[in-house]
Amino acid sequence: GGFVIGVVADVQRDTAVVAGTFAAGATTDVIFQDASSIATGHGGGNARTSIPKGVVVKVGDPVFAPSLGGRPVGIVGKVEDVAASAEQKIYISLPVNLGAVRFVYIVPGS
């Protein structure tokens, strides 16, 4: 269980720096049921992306990242139809408050 919040970017003797999955400007490949896209982080555990209008996505649906072992990285927080476009805008968020996270589980990379 749980959600990927980031990737260890630097390790020191007693600390580690984690690069947030949805840090401002960070990009992550994501999958919504049958569609793939690239989500752009906006900080605070939030990201945005666009997918074709034909893909059915609902608020609360999980969002997975193939590059992170297919693990969940967030949930759909809002789906916005863009009238003059063949795409819909998807707002993604972590279902936890990052400021309240005290412990994390570290998964060894490949």
Protein backbone atom coordinates (compact mmCIF):
# COMPACT_ATOMS: atom_id res chain seq x y z
CA GLY A 1 0.00 0.00 0.00
CA GLY A 2 0.88 3.66 -0.09
CA PHE A 3 1.92 6.17 -2.71
CA VAL A 4 5.29 7.12 -4.16
CA ILE A 5 6.16 10.60 -2.90
CA GLY A 6 9.59 10.86 -4.50
CA VAL A 7 12.94 9.37 -5.38
CA VAL A 8 16.05 9.47 -3.21
CA ALA A 9 18.33 12.00 -4.91
CA ASP A 10 21.23 12.18 -2.45
CA VAL A 11 22.36 10.11 0.52
CA GLN A 12 24.60 11.24 3.37
CA ARG A 13 25.60 9.45 6.57
CA ASP A 14 22.49 10.38 8.57
CA THR A 15 20.18 11.95 5.99
CA ALA A 16 18.76 11.53 2.52
CA VAL A 17 17.33 14.08 0.13
CA VAL A 18 14.15 13.06 -1.68
CA ALA A 19 13.18 14.67 -4.99
CA GLY A 20 9.39 14.95 -4.87
CA THR A 21 7.46 13.19 -7.62
CA PHE A 22 5.19 16.23 -7.96
CA ALA A 23 7.73 18.94 -7.08
CA ALA A 24 7.23 22.13 -9.09
CA GLY A 25 8.41 21.52 -12.65
CA ALA A 26 9.13 17.79 -12.17
CA THR A 27 7.74 15.47 -14.83
CA THR A 28 6.56 11.89 -14.37
CA ASP A 29 5.15 9.39 -16.86
CA VAL A 30 1.68 8.36 -15.64
CA ILE A 31 -1.04 5.94 -16.65
CA PHE A 32 -4.81 6.42 -16.37
CA GLN A 33 -6.54 3.12 -17.12
CA ASP A 34 -5.91 2.90 -20.91
CA ALA A 35 -4.09 6.22 -21.49
CA SER A 36 -0.57 7.34 -20.75
CA SER A 37 0.62 10.89 -20.32
CA ILE A 38 3.30 13.04 -18.70
CA ALA A 39 2.28 14.79 -15.48
CA THR A 40 3.96 18.05 -14.53
CA GLY A 41 4.38 18.76 -10.83
CA HIS A 42 3.03 21.97 -9.35
CA GLY A 43 4.38 21.48 -5.82
CA GLY A 44 2.64 20.48 -2.62
CA GLY A 45 1.87 16.98 -3.90
CA ASN A 46 -0.07 18.25 -6.92
CA ALA A 47 0.38 17.73 -10.66
CA ARG A 48 -1.48 18.29 -13.93
CA THR A 49 -1.68 16.56 -17.27
CA SER A 50 -3.96 16.19 -20.28
CA ILE A 51 -5.41 13.05 -21.86
CA PRO A 52 -7.82 12.44 -24.77
CA LYS A 53 -11.50 13.14 -24.07
CA GLY A 54 -12.46 9.58 -24.96
CA VAL A 55 -10.68 8.17 -21.90
CA VAL A 56 -13.07 7.80 -18.98
CA VAL A 57 -11.43 9.08 -15.79
CA LYS A 58 -13.21 9.85 -12.53
CA VAL A 59 -12.31 11.80 -9.42
CA GLY A 60 -10.68 9.39 -6.97
CA ASP A 61 -9.21 7.08 -9.63
CA PRO A 62 -5.62 6.04 -8.85
CA VAL A 63 -2.76 7.27 -11.06
CA PHE A 64 0.22 4.96 -11.63
CA ALA A 65 3.81 5.60 -12.75
CA PRO A 66 5.43 2.92 -14.95
CA SER A 67 8.90 4.36 -14.31
CA LEU A 68 8.38 3.86 -10.56
CA GLY A 69 7.56 0.17 -10.72
CA GLY A 70 3.94 0.78 -11.71
CA ARG A 71 3.24 2.06 -8.21
CA PRO A 72 0.53 4.65 -7.47
CA VAL A 73 1.70 8.28 -7.35
CA GLY A 74 -1.61 9.99 -6.66
CA ILE A 75 -5.32 10.14 -7.31
CA VAL A 76 -7.43 12.12 -9.75
CA GLY A 77 -8.61 15.22 -7.89
CA LYS A 78 -10.45 16.96 -10.72
CA VAL A 79 -11.31 16.38 -14.37
CA GLU A 80 -11.79 19.50 -16.48
CA ASP A 81 -13.26 19.40 -19.97
CA VAL A 82 -11.48 21.79 -22.33
CA ALA A 83 -14.18 22.91 -24.78
CA ALA A 84 -11.96 23.89 -27.72
CA SER A 85 -9.72 20.83 -27.44
CA ALA A 86 -9.76 17.07 -27.98
CA GLU A 87 -8.24 16.69 -24.52
CA GLN A 88 -9.35 16.91 -20.93
CA LYS A 89 -7.21 18.40 -18.17
CA ILE A 90 -6.54 16.11 -15.22
CA TYR A 91 -5.53 17.40 -11.79
CA ILE A 92 -3.63 14.84 -9.69
CA SER A 93 -2.90 14.99 -5.98
CA LEU A 94 -1.38 12.88 -3.26
CA PRO A 95 -4.07 11.68 -0.83
CA VAL A 96 -1.85 12.61 2.13
CA ASN A 97 -0.55 15.88 3.52
CA LEU A 98 3.21 15.82 2.86
CA GLY A 99 3.79 18.08 5.86
CA ALA A 100 2.27 15.43 8.13
CA VAL A 101 4.35 12.51 6.82
CA ARG A 102 6.72 11.35 9.55
CA PHE A 103 7.95 8.04 8.19
CA VAL A 104 8.46 6.66 4.68
CA TYR A 105 9.11 3.24 3.27
CA ILE A 106 12.11 3.11 0.93
CA VAL A 107 11.93 0.68 -1.97
CA PRO A 108 15.33 -0.28 -3.41
CA GLY A 109 15.73 0.74 -7.06
CA SER A 110 16.59 -1.54 -9.90
